[in-house]
Amino acid sequence: QWSKGDGKSKCRTCVERMIQEESQRQKSTKQQRLDEARSRVRDAKASGNPAAILQAESVLSALEAEQVTGLKPVKMGRGGRGRGRGTGGRRSSSGRGRGRR
């Protein structure tokens, strides 16, 4: 800690205390997010809108899964089978079934 300069170096107990406080803060934030997601699910079920129910439950399940596994959810890309073959417009020269020009 010599290279830190005056007033910036921290003792080991201070660092450990800061780490512990940060983990407590993260736990409380995650718990708040879970509680908010549960209340959104209740509100969506009360409204009866299937799309809102699905969205609220998917957010809740992602948060619960993150709490259990410790892994954040990954959003998948759109379009299930890749981005296509790149068949162009009218003048593409794919070589298949060109017919008359």
C-alpha atoms as a PDB file:
ATOM      1  CA  GLN A   1       0.000   0.000   0.000  1.00  0.00           C
ATOM      2  CA  TRP A   2       3.019   2.288  -0.151  1.00  0.00           C
ATOM      3  CA  SER A   3       2.321   3.365  -3.709  1.00  0.00           C
ATOM      4  CA  LYS A   4      -1.206   4.542  -2.938  1.00  0.00           C
ATOM      5  CA  GLY A   5      -0.188   7.855  -1.446  1.00  0.00           C
ATOM      6  CA  ASP A   6      -1.378   9.653   1.643  1.00  0.00           C
ATOM      7  CA  GLY A   7      -4.891   8.936   2.833  1.00  0.00           C
ATOM      8  CA  LYS A   8      -5.703   6.334   0.179  1.00  0.00           C
ATOM      9  CA  SER A   9      -4.149   3.217   1.683  1.00  0.00           C
ATOM     10  CA  LYS A  10      -6.468   0.936   3.674  1.00  0.00           C
ATOM     11  CA  CYS A  11      -5.741  -1.609   6.361  1.00  0.00           C
ATOM     12  CA  ARG A  12      -6.844  -5.214   5.965  1.00  0.00           C
ATOM     13  CA  THR A  13      -9.722  -4.938   8.446  1.00  0.00           C
ATOM     14  CA  CYS A  14     -11.057  -1.858   6.630  1.00  0.00           C
ATOM     15  CA  VAL A  15     -10.981  -3.681   3.300  1.00  0.00           C
ATOM     16  CA  GLU A  16     -12.699  -6.758   4.745  1.00  0.00           C
ATOM     17  CA  ARG A  17     -15.361  -4.585   6.351  1.00  0.00           C
ATOM     18  CA  MET A  18     -15.977  -2.786   3.054  1.00  0.00           C
ATOM     19  CA  ILE A  19     -16.316  -6.091   1.211  1.00  0.00           C
ATOM     20  CA  GLN A  20     -18.774  -7.380   3.801  1.00  0.00           C
ATOM     21  CA  GLU A  21     -20.853  -4.182   3.628  1.00  0.00           C
ATOM     22  CA  GLU A  22     -20.920  -4.373  -0.156  1.00  0.00           C
ATOM     23  CA  SER A  23     -22.121  -7.993  -0.113  1.00  0.00           C
ATOM     24  CA  GLN A  24     -24.868  -7.090   2.386  1.00  0.00           C
ATOM     25  CA  ARG A  25     -25.942  -4.217   0.141  1.00  0.00           C
ATOM     26  CA  GLN A  26     -26.063  -6.511  -2.901  1.00  0.00           C
ATOM     27  CA  LYS A  27     -28.129  -9.107  -1.027  1.00  0.00           C
ATOM     28  CA  SER A  28     -30.669  -6.503   0.063  1.00  0.00           C
ATOM     29  CA  THR A  29     -30.866  -5.109  -3.480  1.00  0.00           C
ATOM     30  CA  LYS A  30     -31.475  -8.571  -4.932  1.00  0.00           C
ATOM     31  CA  GLN A  31     -34.145  -9.243  -2.328  1.00  0.00           C
ATOM     32  CA  GLN A  32     -35.844  -5.949  -3.185  1.00  0.00           C
ATOM     33  CA  ARG A  33     -35.823  -6.845  -6.872  1.00  0.00           C
ATOM     34  CA  LEU A  34     -37.378 -10.237  -6.099  1.00  0.00           C
ATOM     35  CA  ASP A  35     -40.089  -8.633  -3.964  1.00  0.00           C
ATOM     36  CA  GLU A  36     -40.865  -6.110  -6.699  1.00  0.00           C
ATOM     37  CA  ALA A  37     -41.071  -8.874  -9.304  1.00  0.00           C
ATOM     38  CA  ARG A  38     -43.444 -10.876  -7.103  1.00  0.00           C
ATOM     39  CA  SER A  39     -45.694  -7.841  -6.650  1.00  0.00           C
ATOM     40  CA  ARG A  40     -45.685  -7.286 -10.439  1.00  0.00           C
ATOM     41  CA  VAL A  41     -46.790 -10.911 -10.926  1.00  0.00           C
ATOM     42  CA  ARG A  42     -49.645 -10.378  -8.465  1.00  0.00           C
ATOM     43  CA  ASP A  43     -50.693  -7.192 -10.255  1.00  0.00           C
ATOM     44  CA  ALA A  44     -50.520  -8.873 -13.661  1.00  0.00           C
ATOM     45  CA  LYS A  45     -52.617 -11.803 -12.476  1.00  0.00           C
ATOM     46  CA  ALA A  46     -55.172  -9.370 -11.066  1.00  0.00           C
ATOM     47  CA  SER A  47     -55.372  -7.560 -14.413  1.00  0.00           C
ATOM     48  CA  GLY A  48     -55.946 -10.820 -16.295  1.00  0.00           C
ATOM     49  CA  ASN A  49     -53.764  -9.804 -19.252  1.00  0.00           C
ATOM     50  CA  PRO A  50     -51.971 -12.978 -20.450  1.00  0.00           C
ATOM     51  CA  ALA A  51     -49.062 -11.082 -22.034  1.00  0.00           C
ATOM     52  CA  ALA A  52     -48.425  -9.090 -18.853  1.00  0.00           C
ATOM     53  CA  ILE A  53     -48.646 -12.262 -16.752  1.00  0.00           C
ATOM     54  CA  LEU A  54     -46.146 -14.045 -19.003  1.00  0.00           C
ATOM     55  CA  GLN A  55     -43.693 -11.157 -18.944  1.00  0.00           C
ATOM     56  CA  ALA A  56     -43.908 -10.684 -15.162  1.00  0.00           C
ATOM     57  CA  GLU A  57     -43.513 -14.403 -14.470  1.00  0.00           C
ATOM     58  CA  SER A  58     -40.543 -14.694 -16.841  1.00  0.00           C
ATOM     59  CA  VAL A  59     -38.771 -11.814 -15.078  1.00  0.00           C
ATOM     60  CA  LEU A  60     -39.496 -13.403 -11.701  1.00  0.00           C
ATOM     61  CA  SER A  61     -38.262 -16.827 -12.812  1.00  0.00           C
ATOM     62  CA  ALA A  62     -35.048 -15.286 -14.195  1.00  0.00           C
ATOM     63  CA  LEU A  63     -34.384 -13.528 -10.883  1.00  0.00           C
ATOM     64  CA  GLU A  64     -35.109 -16.682  -8.882  1.00  0.00           C
ATOM     65  CA  ALA A  65     -32.846 -18.741 -11.142  1.00  0.00           C
ATOM     66  CA  GLU A  66     -30.078 -16.178 -10.735  1.00  0.00           C
ATOM     67  CA  GLN A  67     -30.437 -16.431  -6.967  1.00  0.00           C
ATOM     68  CA  VAL A  68     -30.270 -20.240  -7.033  1.00  0.00           C
ATOM     69  CA  THR A  69     -27.499 -20.726  -9.603  1.00  0.00           C
ATOM     70  CA  GLY A  70     -25.576 -17.478  -9.347  1.00  0.00           C
ATOM     71  CA  LEU A  71     -25.661 -17.149 -13.145  1.00  0.00           C
ATOM     72  CA  LYS A  72     -27.249 -14.181 -14.864  1.00  0.00           C
ATOM     73  CA  PRO A  73     -29.827 -14.907 -17.580  1.00  0.00           C
ATOM     74  CA  VAL A  74     -28.698 -14.736 -21.201  1.00  0.00           C
ATOM     75  CA  LYS A  75     -31.013 -13.177 -23.756  1.00  0.00           C
ATOM     76  CA  MET A  76     -31.071 -15.275 -26.878  1.00  0.00           C
ATOM     77  CA  GLY A  77     -30.994 -13.712 -30.326  1.00  0.00           C
ATOM     78  CA  ARG A  78     -33.979 -13.494 -32.590  1.00  0.00           C
ATOM     79  CA  GLY A  79     -34.625 -15.831 -35.500  1.00  0.00           C
ATOM     80  CA  GLY A  80     -34.174 -19.455 -34.551  1.00  0.00           C
ATOM     81  CA  ARG A  81     -32.164 -20.801 -37.494  1.00  0.00           C
ATOM     82  CA  GLY A  82     -29.479 -18.247 -38.034  1.00  0.00           C
ATOM     83  CA  ARG A  83     -29.598 -15.231 -40.300  1.00  0.00           C
ATOM     84  CA  GLY A  84     -30.557 -16.915 -43.562  1.00  0.00           C
ATOM     85  CA  ARG A  85     -28.619 -17.776 -46.690  1.00  0.00           C
ATOM     86  CA  GLY A  86     -28.318 -14.282 -48.012  1.00  0.00           C
ATOM     87  CA  THR A  87     -30.393 -14.796 -51.125  1.00  0.00           C
ATOM     88  CA  GLY A  88     -30.377 -11.383 -52.642  1.00  0.00           C
ATOM     89  CA  GLY A  89     -33.021  -9.528 -54.542  1.00  0.00           C
ATOM     90  CA  ARG A  90     -33.938  -9.721 -58.196  1.00  0.00           C
ATOM     91  CA  ARG A  91     -30.439  -9.968 -59.606  1.00  0.00           C
ATOM     92  CA  SER A  92     -28.909 -12.479 -57.250  1.00  0.00           C
ATOM     93  CA  SER A  93     -26.731 -15.053 -58.910  1.00  0.00           C
ATOM     94  CA  SER A  94     -27.328 -18.045 -56.715  1.00  0.00           C
ATOM     95  CA  GLY A  95     -27.240 -20.377 -59.721  1.00  0.00           C
ATOM     96  CA  ARG A  96     -30.390 -22.236 -58.787  1.00  0.00           C
ATOM     97  CA  GLY A  97     -33.433 -21.953 -61.000  1.00  0.00           C
ATOM     98  CA  ARG A  98     -32.399 -18.790 -62.745  1.00  0.00           C
ATOM     99  CA  GLY A  99     -34.677 -19.308 -65.692  1.00  0.00           C
ATOM    100  CA  ARG A 100     -34.908 -16.646 -68.383  1.00  0.00           C
ATOM    101  CA  ARG A 101     -33.497 -13.205 -67.935  1.00  0.00           C
END
